[in-house]
Protein backbone atom coordinates (compact mmCIF):
# COMPACT_ATOMS: atom_id res chain seq x y z
CA MET A 1 -61.83 -70.81 7.53
CA LYS A 2 -64.17 -73.24 5.90
CA ALA A 3 -63.08 -76.78 5.22
CA LYS A 4 -62.79 -77.97 1.65
CA PRO A 5 -65.89 -79.77 0.31
CA ASP A 6 -65.77 -83.53 -0.05
CA ILE A 7 -65.48 -84.03 -3.82
CA ASP A 8 -66.00 -87.81 -3.60
CA ALA A 9 -69.45 -87.34 -2.06
CA PHE A 10 -70.28 -84.86 -4.81
CA LEU A 11 -69.18 -87.27 -7.54
CA GLU A 12 -71.26 -90.07 -6.01
CA GLY A 13 -74.33 -87.86 -6.37
CA GLY A 14 -75.34 -88.25 -2.75
CA ALA A 15 -75.42 -92.03 -3.08
CA GLY A 16 -72.78 -92.28 -0.37
CA ASP A 17 -75.23 -90.86 2.16
CA ARG A 18 -77.78 -93.64 1.64
CA PRO A 19 -77.37 -97.14 3.07
CA GLU A 20 -76.92 -99.99 0.62
CA LEU A 21 -80.00 -102.10 -0.06
CA PRO A 22 -79.61 -105.86 0.10
CA LEU A 23 -79.08 -107.42 -3.33
CA LYS A 24 -82.41 -109.24 -3.21
CA LYS A 25 -84.41 -106.03 -2.76
CA LYS A 26 -82.53 -104.35 -5.61
CA LYS A 27 -83.29 -107.30 -7.87
CA GLU A 28 -86.99 -107.29 -6.90
CA ALA A 29 -87.21 -103.55 -7.53
CA PHE A 30 -85.59 -104.02 -10.95
CA ASN A 31 -88.02 -106.83 -11.84
CA ASP A 32 -90.99 -104.67 -10.81
CA PHE A 33 -89.65 -101.83 -12.95
CA THR A 34 -89.09 -104.00 -16.03
CA SER A 35 -92.52 -105.59 -15.75
CA ALA A 36 -94.03 -102.11 -15.55
CA LEU A 37 -92.16 -101.15 -18.71
CA LYS A 38 -93.54 -104.18 -20.52
CA ARG A 39 -97.07 -103.15 -19.56
CA LYS A 40 -96.59 -99.62 -20.93
CA ILE A 41 -98.99 -99.37 -23.84
CA HIS A 42 -100.72 -96.37 -25.31
CA ARG A 43 -103.85 -95.57 -23.34
CA GLU A 44 -106.65 -93.11 -23.90
CA GLN A 45 -109.24 -91.88 -21.47
CA LYS A 46 -112.78 -93.23 -21.67
CA VAL A 47 -115.48 -91.96 -19.33
CA PHE A 48 -118.38 -94.18 -18.25
CA ARG A 49 -121.32 -93.59 -15.97
CA LEU A 50 -121.85 -96.63 -13.74
CA PRO A 51 -124.43 -97.49 -11.08
CA LEU A 52 -123.42 -96.46 -7.58
CA ASP A 53 -123.47 -100.01 -6.22
CA LEU A 54 -121.03 -101.14 -8.94
CA ILE A 55 -118.73 -98.20 -8.18
CA ASN A 56 -118.72 -99.05 -4.46
CA ASP A 57 -118.02 -102.73 -5.18
CA LEU A 58 -115.16 -101.76 -7.48
CA LYS A 59 -113.63 -99.50 -4.81
CA ARG A 60 -113.97 -102.21 -2.18
CA GLU A 61 -112.45 -104.90 -4.43
CA SER A 62 -109.55 -102.61 -5.32
CA PHE A 63 -108.87 -101.91 -1.65
CA GLU A 64 -109.13 -105.57 -0.62
CA ARG A 65 -106.78 -106.76 -3.37
CA SER A 66 -104.30 -104.04 -2.48
CA MET A 67 -104.30 -105.15 1.16
CA LYS A 68 -104.10 -108.84 0.20
CA THR A 69 -101.20 -108.50 -2.26
CA GLY A 70 -99.35 -105.66 -0.57
CA ALA A 71 -99.15 -103.87 -3.92
CA ARG A 72 -101.42 -101.16 -5.23
CA VAL A 73 -104.33 -102.46 -7.30
CA THR A 74 -106.27 -99.70 -9.04
CA GLU A 75 -109.87 -99.64 -10.12
CA VAL A 76 -108.70 -99.07 -13.70
CA GLU A 77 -106.68 -102.30 -13.58
CA LEU A 78 -109.71 -104.23 -12.37
CA VAL A 79 -111.95 -102.79 -15.09
CA GLU A 80 -109.32 -103.50 -17.76
CA GLN A 81 -108.91 -107.08 -16.53
CA ALA A 82 -112.67 -107.66 -16.52
CA LEU A 83 -113.09 -106.22 -20.02
CA ARG A 84 -110.23 -108.32 -21.39
CA GLU A 85 -111.72 -111.48 -19.89
CA TYR A 86 -115.16 -110.62 -21.31
CA LEU A 87 -114.03 -109.54 -24.78
CA TYR A 88 -111.29 -112.10 -25.41
CA ARG A 89 -112.76 -115.24 -23.87
């Protein structure tokens, strides 16, 4: 005969199988999530043709900042930052 299923594990949604994260990491993850929510604004796609040397520099800068900070830095973020500095200075 089969054993009865563990209802408590089912009610926990599988959370009982995962180890608990330290409180600090949970708080950091929550702060990252809330800051991402604050940055959520409507965006539309705009396509530009750029010189190849500028594209390569943008890729390199994105990669270097990602390695330096330990967080992903996209090319779009760099372009947006540069445009905001130029337009709103």
